[in-house]
Amino acid sequence: MTIRDIMKYIESEYGIINQTPCEVCGGEYFAEDLEIVLIDEIPFDVCECTCSNCGHERSFMFTAPFIELKNHKNILRKLN
């Protein structure tokens, strides 16, 4: 994956977050923290978000195909 592909992928994640209303009040979420985690050896982007209206917190999880598993430990150390 090129850096452009990675950026498009991450932009699409933020698009999903921006289009998802808060389940408590219907407000908009904003991203507070983004990290890469491994779940069963599969890399995921986990974005911690907070509603700008009521403060409700929610995590969004997306697969992270741009992380190569052969180097995932080094990449995770650098990203987190």
PDB file of N, CA and C in Angstrom:
ATOM      1  N   MET A   1       0.838  -1.178   0.000  1.00  0.00           N
ATOM      2  CA  MET A   1       0.000   0.000   0.000  1.00  0.00           C
ATOM      3  C   MET A   1       0.886   1.244   0.000  1.00  0.00           C
ATOM      4  N   THR A   2       0.549   2.199  -0.834  1.00  0.00           N
ATOM      5  CA  THR A   2       1.299   3.450  -0.848  1.00  0.00           C
ATOM      6  C   THR A   2       0.794   4.373   0.254  1.00  0.00           C
ATOM      7  N   ILE A   3       1.550   5.405   0.537  1.00  0.00           N
ATOM      8  CA  ILE A   3       1.133   6.356   1.578  1.00  0.00           C
ATOM      9  C   ILE A   3      -0.186   7.020   1.199  1.00  0.00           C
ATOM     10  N   ARG A   4      -0.394   7.251  -0.084  1.00  0.00           N
ATOM     11  CA  ARG A   4      -1.661   7.826  -0.557  1.00  0.00           C
ATOM     12  C   ARG A   4      -2.828   6.892  -0.267  1.00  0.00           C
ATOM     13  N   ASP A   5      -2.628   5.591  -0.502  1.00  0.00           N
ATOM     14  CA  ASP A   5      -3.672   4.598  -0.203  1.00  0.00           C
ATOM     15  C   ASP A   5      -3.989   4.568   1.292  1.00  0.00           C
ATOM     16  N   ILE A   6      -2.937   4.643   2.105  1.00  0.00           N
ATOM     17  CA  ILE A   6      -3.129   4.637   3.556  1.00  0.00           C
ATOM     18  C   ILE A   6      -3.930   5.859   3.987  1.00  0.00           C
ATOM     19  N   MET A   7      -3.598   7.023   3.444  1.00  0.00           N
ATOM     20  CA  MET A   7      -4.307   8.253   3.806  1.00  0.00           C
ATOM     21  C   MET A   7      -5.770   8.187   3.379  1.00  0.00           C
ATOM     22  N   LYS A   8      -6.043   7.636   2.192  1.00  0.00           N
ATOM     23  CA  LYS A   8      -7.430   7.482   1.743  1.00  0.00           C
ATOM     24  C   LYS A   8      -8.195   6.543   2.679  1.00  0.00           C
ATOM     25  N   TYR A   9      -7.526   5.493   3.102  1.00  0.00           N
ATOM     26  CA  TYR A   9      -8.160   4.533   3.997  1.00  0.00           C
ATOM     27  C   TYR A   9      -8.513   5.209   5.325  1.00  0.00           C
ATOM     28  N   ILE A  10      -7.567   5.944   5.885  1.00  0.00           N
ATOM     29  CA  ILE A  10      -7.807   6.627   7.158  1.00  0.00           C
ATOM     30  C   ILE A  10      -8.873   7.711   7.002  1.00  0.00           C
ATOM     31  N   GLU A  11      -8.858   8.431   5.881  1.00  0.00           N
ATOM     32  CA  GLU A  11      -9.918   9.426   5.614  1.00  0.00           C
ATOM     33  C   GLU A  11     -11.286   8.767   5.609  1.00  0.00           C
ATOM     34  N   SER A  12     -11.386   7.577   5.038  1.00  0.00           N
ATOM     35  CA  SER A  12     -12.678   6.893   4.995  1.00  0.00           C
ATOM     36  C   SER A  12     -13.133   6.514   6.408  1.00  0.00           C
ATOM     37  N   GLU A  13     -12.179   6.175   7.290  1.00  0.00           N
ATOM     38  CA  GLU A  13     -12.537   5.891   8.677  1.00  0.00           C
ATOM     39  C   GLU A  13     -13.150   7.117   9.336  1.00  0.00           C
ATOM     40  N   TYR A  14     -12.510   8.268   9.149  1.00  0.00           N
ATOM     41  CA  TYR A  14     -13.037   9.506   9.728  1.00  0.00           C
ATOM     42  C   TYR A  14     -14.381   9.883   9.106  1.00  0.00           C
ATOM     43  N   GLY A  15     -14.571   9.545   7.831  1.00  0.00           N
ATOM     44  CA  GLY A  15     -15.863   9.778   7.191  1.00  0.00           C
ATOM     45  C   GLY A  15     -16.967   8.988   7.881  1.00  0.00           C
ATOM     46  N   ILE A  16     -16.671   7.742   8.217  1.00  0.00           N
ATOM     47  CA  ILE A  16     -17.653   6.908   8.920  1.00  0.00           C
ATOM     48  C   ILE A  16     -17.943   7.486  10.303  1.00  0.00           C
ATOM     49  N   ILE A  17     -16.902   7.889  11.011  1.00  0.00           N
ATOM     50  CA  ILE A  17     -17.091   8.480  12.346  1.00  0.00           C
ATOM     51  C   ILE A  17     -17.945   9.740  12.239  1.00  0.00           C
ATOM     52  N   ASN A  18     -17.654  10.595  11.272  1.00  0.00           N
ATOM     53  CA  ASN A  18     -18.395  11.853  11.109  1.00  0.00           C
ATOM     54  C   ASN A  18     -19.858  11.636  10.734  1.00  0.00           C
ATOM     55  N   GLN A  19     -20.161  10.519  10.080  1.00  0.00           N
ATOM     56  CA  GLN A  19     -21.527  10.239   9.655  1.00  0.00           C
ATOM     57  C   GLN A  19     -22.317   9.446  10.699  1.00  0.00           C
ATOM     58  N   THR A  20     -21.658   9.067  11.789  1.00  0.00           N
ATOM     59  CA  THR A  20     -22.321   8.284  12.821  1.00  0.00           C
ATOM     60  C   THR A  20     -22.782   9.208  13.945  1.00  0.00           C
ATOM     61  N   PRO A  21     -24.093   9.337  14.137  1.00  0.00           N
ATOM     62  CA  PRO A  21     -24.573  10.196  15.222  1.00  0.00           C
ATOM     63  C   PRO A  21     -24.413   9.507  16.577  1.00  0.00           C
ATOM     64  N   CYS A  22     -24.272  10.303  17.607  1.00  0.00           N
ATOM     65  CA  CYS A  22     -24.206   9.790  18.978  1.00  0.00           C
ATOM     66  C   CYS A  22     -25.500   9.044  19.275  1.00  0.00           C
ATOM     67  N   GLU A  23     -25.380   7.859  19.843  1.00  0.00           N
ATOM     68  CA  GLU A  23     -26.583   7.077  20.151  1.00  0.00           C
ATOM     69  C   GLU A  23     -27.331   7.615  21.365  1.00  0.00           C
ATOM     70  N   VAL A  24     -26.736   8.541  22.102  1.00  0.00           N
ATOM     71  CA  VAL A  24     -27.401   9.129  23.265  1.00  0.00           C
ATOM     72  C   VAL A  24     -28.192  10.375  22.873  1.00  0.00           C
ATOM     73  N   CYS A  25     -27.545  11.321  22.147  1.00  0.00           N
ATOM     74  CA  CYS A  25     -28.200  12.605  21.880  1.00  0.00           C
ATOM     75  C   CYS A  25     -28.275  12.977  20.396  1.00  0.00           C
ATOM     76  N   GLY A  26     -27.619  12.191  19.528  1.00  0.00           N
ATOM     77  CA  GLY A  26     -27.632  12.501  18.100  1.00  0.00           C
ATOM     78  C   GLY A  26     -26.551  13.473  17.674  1.00  0.00           C
ATOM     79  N   GLY A  27     -25.693  13.893  18.609  1.00  0.00           N
ATOM     80  CA  GLY A  27     -24.610  14.830  18.298  1.00  0.00           C
ATOM     81  C   GLY A  27     -23.519  14.188  17.454  1.00  0.00           C
ATOM     82  N   GLU A  28     -22.471  14.953  17.194  1.00  0.00           N
ATOM     83  CA  GLU A  28     -21.351  14.492  16.363  1.00  0.00           C
ATOM     84  C   GLU A  28     -20.187  14.058  17.238  1.00  0.00           C
ATOM     85  N   TYR A  29     -19.530  12.975  16.807  1.00  0.00           N
ATOM     86  CA  TYR A  29     -18.339  12.498  17.506  1.00  0.00           C
ATOM     87  C   TYR A  29     -17.104  13.228  16.992  1.00  0.00           C
ATOM     88  N   PHE A  30     -16.135  13.418  17.879  1.00  0.00           N
ATOM     89  CA  PHE A  30     -14.823  13.877  17.443  1.00  0.00           C
ATOM     90  C   PHE A  30     -13.788  12.908  18.003  1.00  0.00           C
ATOM     91  N   ALA A  31     -12.741  12.692  17.221  1.00  0.00           N
ATOM     92  CA  ALA A  31     -11.704  11.730  17.587  1.00  0.00           C
ATOM     93  C   ALA A  31     -10.766  12.340  18.618  1.00  0.00           C
ATOM     94  N   GLU A  32     -10.509  11.571  19.671  1.00  0.00           N
ATOM     95  CA  GLU A  32      -9.585  12.012  20.706  1.00  0.00           C
ATOM     96  C   GLU A  32      -8.268  11.270  20.643  1.00  0.00           C
ATOM     97  N   ASP A  33      -8.304   9.993  20.263  1.00  0.00           N
ATOM     98  CA  ASP A  33      -7.093   9.184  20.272  1.00  0.00           C
ATOM     99  C   ASP A  33      -7.224   8.100  19.216  1.00  0.00           C
ATOM    100  N   LEU A  34      -6.123   7.809  18.557  1.00  0.00           N
ATOM    101  CA  LEU A  34      -6.090   6.758  17.537  1.00  0.00           C
ATOM    102  C   LEU A  34      -4.880   5.891  17.827  1.00  0.00           C
ATOM    103  N   GLU A  35      -5.103   4.575  17.893  1.00  0.00           N
ATOM    104  CA  GLU A  35      -3.975   3.677  18.101  1.00  0.00           C
ATOM    105  C   GLU A  35      -4.174   2.401  17.303  1.00  0.00           C
ATOM    106  N   ILE A  36      -3.071   1.719  17.064  1.00  0.00           N
ATOM    107  CA  ILE A  36      -3.083   0.441  16.369  1.00  0.00           C
ATOM    108  C   ILE A  36      -2.974  -0.646  17.428  1.00  0.00           C
ATOM    109  N   VAL A  37      -3.873  -1.632  17.364  1.00  0.00           N
ATOM    110  CA  VAL A  37      -3.834  -2.761  18.291  1.00  0.00           C
ATOM    111  C   VAL A  37      -3.909  -4.054  17.492  1.00  0.00           C
ATOM    112  N   LEU A  38      -3.381  -5.126  18.072  1.00  0.00           N
ATOM    113  CA  LEU A  38      -3.484  -6.449  17.469  1.00  0.00           C
ATOM    114  C   LEU A  38      -4.520  -7.252  18.225  1.00  0.00           C
ATOM    115  N   ILE A  39      -5.458  -7.819  17.489  1.00  0.00           N
ATOM    116  CA  ILE A  39      -6.463  -8.706  18.063  1.00  0.00           C
ATOM    117  C   ILE A  39      -6.379 -10.002  17.277  1.00  0.00           C
ATOM    118  N   ASP A  40      -5.992 -11.069  17.964  1.00  0.00           N
ATOM    119  CA  ASP A  40      -5.771 -12.365  17.304  1.00  0.00           C
ATOM    120  C   ASP A  40      -4.825 -12.218  16.117  1.00  0.00           C
ATOM    121  N   GLU A  41      -3.749 -11.443  16.329  1.00  0.00           N
ATOM    122  CA  GLU A  41      -2.704 -11.211  15.316  1.00  0.00           C
ATOM    123  C   GLU A  41      -3.192 -10.437  14.092  1.00  0.00           C
ATOM    124  N   ILE A  42      -4.339  -9.778  14.204  1.00  0.00           N
ATOM    125  CA  ILE A  42      -4.861  -8.947  13.113  1.00  0.00           C
ATOM    126  C   ILE A  42      -4.779  -7.496  13.568  1.00  0.00           C
ATOM    127  N   PRO A  43      -4.136  -6.630  12.767  1.00  0.00           N
ATOM    128  CA  PRO A  43      -4.013  -5.221  13.175  1.00  0.00           C
ATOM    129  C   PRO A  43      -5.316  -4.443  12.954  1.00  0.00           C
ATOM    130  N   PHE A  44      -5.650  -3.614  13.936  1.00  0.00           N
ATOM    131  CA  PHE A  44      -6.833  -2.769  13.873  1.00  0.00           C
ATOM    132  C   PHE A  44      -6.467  -1.341  14.258  1.00  0.00           C
ATOM    133  N   ASP A  45      -7.143  -0.383  13.612  1.00  0.00           N
ATOM    134  CA  ASP A  45      -7.124   1.009  14.028  1.00  0.00           C
ATOM    135  C   ASP A  45      -8.255   1.153  15.035  1.00  0.00           C
ATOM    136  N   VAL A  46      -7.970   1.626  16.225  1.00  0.00           N
ATOM    137  CA  VAL A  46      -9.010   1.875  17.212  1.00  0.00           C
ATOM    138  C   VAL A  46      -9.020   3.372  17.492  1.00  0.00           C
ATOM    139  N   CYS A  47     -10.167   3.986  17.247  1.00  0.00           N
ATOM    140  CA  CYS A  47     -10.308   5.424  17.414  1.00  0.00           C
ATOM    141  C   CYS A  47     -11.265   5.695  18.572  1.00  0.00           C
ATOM    142  N   GLU A  48     -10.735   6.323  19.612  1.00  0.00           N
ATOM    143  CA  GLU A  48     -11.546   6.697  20.770  1.00  0.00           C
ATOM    144  C   GLU A  48     -12.170   8.055  20.475  1.00  0.00           C
ATOM    145  N   CYS A  49     -13.497   8.127  20.560  1.00  0.00           N
ATOM    146  CA  CYS A  49     -14.224   9.344  20.201  1.00  0.00           C
ATOM    147  C   CYS A  49     -15.127   9.792  21.346  1.00  0.00           C
ATOM    148  N   THR A  50     -15.464  11.076  21.323  1.00  0.00           N
ATOM    149  CA  THR A  50     -16.354  11.674  22.309  1.00  0.00           C
ATOM    150  C   THR A  50     -17.375  12.528  21.573  1.00  0.00           C
ATOM    151  N   CYS A  51     -18.625  12.471  22.024  1.00  0.00           N
ATOM    152  CA  CYS A  51     -19.665  13.306  21.436  1.00  0.00           C
ATOM    153  C   CYS A  51     -19.408  14.759  21.821  1.00  0.00           C
ATOM    154  N   SER A  52     -19.443  15.633  20.841  1.00  0.00           N
ATOM    155  CA  SER A  52     -19.193  17.056  21.101  1.00  0.00           C
ATOM    156  C   SER A  52     -20.367  17.723  21.817  1.00  0.00           C
ATOM    157  N   ASN A  53     -21.516  17.045  21.848  1.00  0.00           N
ATOM    158  CA  ASN A  53     -22.700  17.612  22.475  1.00  0.00           C
ATOM    159  C   ASN A  53     -22.871  17.156  23.933  1.00  0.00           C
ATOM    160  N   CYS A  54     -22.859  15.842  24.167  1.00  0.00           N
ATOM    161  CA  CYS A  54     -23.158  15.322  25.507  1.00  0.00           C
ATOM    162  C   CYS A  54     -21.965  14.678  26.216  1.00  0.00           C
ATOM    163  N   GLY A  55     -20.869  14.461  25.487  1.00  0.00           N
ATOM    164  CA  GLY A  55     -19.680  13.869  26.097  1.00  0.00           C
ATOM    165  C   GLY A  55     -19.656  12.352  26.119  1.00  0.00           C
ATOM    166  N   HIS A  56     -20.666  11.700  25.518  1.00  0.00           N
ATOM    167  CA  HIS A  56     -20.692  10.230  25.464  1.00  0.00           C
ATOM    168  C   HIS A  56     -19.455   9.733  24.719  1.00  0.00           C
ATOM    169  N   GLU A  57     -18.810   8.697  25.257  1.00  0.00           N
ATOM    170  CA  GLU A  57     -17.604   8.144  24.637  1.00  0.00           C
ATOM    171  C   GLU A  57     -17.934   6.869  23.876  1.00  0.00           C
ATOM    172  N   ARG A  58     -17.220   6.695  22.756  1.00  0.00           N
ATOM    173  CA  ARG A  58     -17.412   5.507  21.929  1.00  0.00           C
ATOM    174  C   ARG A  58     -16.111   5.176  21.224  1.00  0.00           C
ATOM    175  N   SER A  59     -15.856   3.888  21.061  1.00  0.00           N
ATOM    176  CA  SER A  59     -14.688   3.423  20.310  1.00  0.00           C
ATOM    177  C   SER A  59     -15.141   2.929  18.944  1.00  0.00           C
ATOM    178  N   PHE A  60     -14.409   3.307  17.928  1.00  0.00           N
ATOM    179  CA  PHE A  60     -14.622   2.800  16.578  1.00  0.00           C
ATOM    180  C   PHE A  60     -13.412   1.938  16.237  1.00  0.00           C
ATOM    181  N   MET A  61     -13.659   0.750  15.673  1.00  0.00           N
ATOM    182  CA  MET A  61     -12.577  -0.149  15.328  1.00  0.00           C
ATOM    183  C   MET A  61     -12.644  -0.481  13.839  1.00  0.00           C
ATOM    184  N   PHE A  62     -11.500  -0.349  13.181  1.00  0.00           N
ATOM    185  CA  PHE A  62     -11.390  -0.627  11.748  1.00  0.00           C
ATOM    186  C   PHE A  62     -10.180  -1.525  11.531  1.00  0.00           C
ATOM    187  N   THR A  63     -10.275  -2.436  10.567  1.00  0.00           N
ATOM    188  CA  THR A  63      -9.090  -3.227  10.231  1.00  0.00           C
ATOM    189  C   THR A  63      -8.025  -2.289   9.681  1.00  0.00           C
ATOM    190  N   ALA A  64      -6.779  -2.674   9.836  1.00  0.00           N
ATOM    191  CA  ALA A  64      -5.654  -1.844   9.392  1.00  0.00           C
ATOM    192  C   ALA A  64      -4.807  -2.628   8.388  1.00  0.00           C
ATOM    193  N   PRO A  65      -5.275  -2.743   7.147  1.00  0.00           N
ATOM    194  CA  PRO A  65      -4.555  -3.560   6.164  1.00  0.00           C
ATOM    195  C   PRO A  65      -3.210  -2.974   5.761  1.00  0.00           C
ATOM    196  N   PHE A  66      -2.951  -1.727   6.128  1.00  0.00           N
ATOM    197  CA  PHE A  66      -1.691  -1.091   5.768  1.00  0.00           C
ATOM    198  C   PHE A  66      -0.548  -1.490   6.699  1.00  0.00           C
ATOM    199  N   ILE A  67      -0.840  -2.264   7.754  1.00  0.00           N
ATOM    200  CA  ILE A  67       0.203  -2.760   8.654  1.00  0.00           C
ATOM    201  C   ILE A  67       0.631  -4.130   8.156  1.00  0.00           C
ATOM    202  N   GLU A  68       1.913  -4.267   7.811  1.00  0.00           N
ATOM    203  CA  GLU A  68       2.437  -5.553   7.368  1.00  0.00           C
ATOM    204  C   GLU A  68       2.762  -6.393   8.597  1.00  0.00           C
ATOM    205  N   LEU A  69       2.213  -7.580   8.665  1.00  0.00           N
ATOM    206  CA  LEU A  69       2.357  -8.412   9.852  1.00  0.00           C
ATOM    207  C   LEU A  69       3.800  -8.816  10.128  1.00  0.00           C
ATOM    208  N   LYS A  70       4.621  -8.940   9.104  1.00  0.00           N
ATOM    209  CA  LYS A  70       5.997  -9.376   9.351  1.00  0.00           C
ATOM    210  C   LYS A  70       6.778  -8.330  10.144  1.00  0.00           C
ATOM    211  N   ASN A  71       6.377  -7.066  10.052  1.00  0.00           N
ATOM    212  CA  ASN A  71       7.062  -6.000  10.787  1.00  0.00           C
ATOM    213  C   ASN A  71       6.151  -5.342  11.819  1.00  0.00           C
ATOM    214  N   HIS A  72       5.061  -5.999  12.197  1.00  0.00           N
ATOM    215  CA  HIS A  72       4.057  -5.332  13.013  1.00  0.00           C
ATOM    216  C   HIS A  72       4.558  -4.887  14.381  1.00  0.00           C
ATOM    217  N   LYS A  73       5.452  -5.625  15.004  1.00  0.00           N
ATOM    218  CA  LYS A  73       5.929  -5.217  16.330  1.00  0.00           C
ATOM    219  C   LYS A  73       6.704  -3.898  16.255  1.00  0.00           C
ATOM    220  N   ASN A  74       7.554  -3.766  15.246  1.00  0.00           N
ATOM    221  CA  ASN A  74       8.319  -2.523  15.080  1.00  0.00           C
ATOM    222  C   ASN A  74       7.393  -1.361  14.747  1.00  0.00           C
ATOM    223  N   ILE A  75       6.428  -1.592  13.887  1.00  0.00           N
ATOM    224  CA  ILE A  75       5.494  -0.546  13.482  1.00  0.00           C
ATOM    225  C   ILE A  75       4.631  -0.122  14.667  1.00  0.00           C
ATOM    226  N   LEU A  76       4.125  -1.100  15.426  1.00  0.00           N
ATOM    227  CA  LEU A  76       3.286  -0.775  16.584  1.00  0.00           C
ATOM    228  C   LEU A  76       4.063   0.050  17.605  1.00  0.00           C
ATOM    229  N   ARG A  77       5.329  -0.285  17.806  1.00  0.00           N
ATOM    230  CA  ARG A  77       6.147   0.462  18.751  1.00  0.00           C
ATOM    231  C   ARG A  77       6.283   1.917  18.301  1.00  0.00           C
ATOM    232  N   LYS A  78       6.448   2.140  17.006  1.00  0.00           N
ATOM    233  CA  LYS A  78       6.615   3.486  16.470  1.00  0.00           C
ATOM    234  C   LYS A  78       5.298   4.276  16.510  1.00  0.00           C
ATOM    235  N   LEU A  79       4.170   3.609  16.209  1.00  0.00           N
ATOM    236  CA  LEU A  79       2.895   4.297  16.140  1.00  0.00           C
ATOM    237  C   LEU A  79       2.300   4.574  17.513  1.00  0.00           C
ATOM    238  N   ASN A  80       2.538   3.717  18.463  1.00  0.00           N
ATOM    239  CA  ASN A  80       1.946   3.903  19.792  1.00  0.00           C
ATOM    240  C   ASN A  80       2.975   4.531  20.652  1.00  0.00           C
TER     241      ASN A  80
END
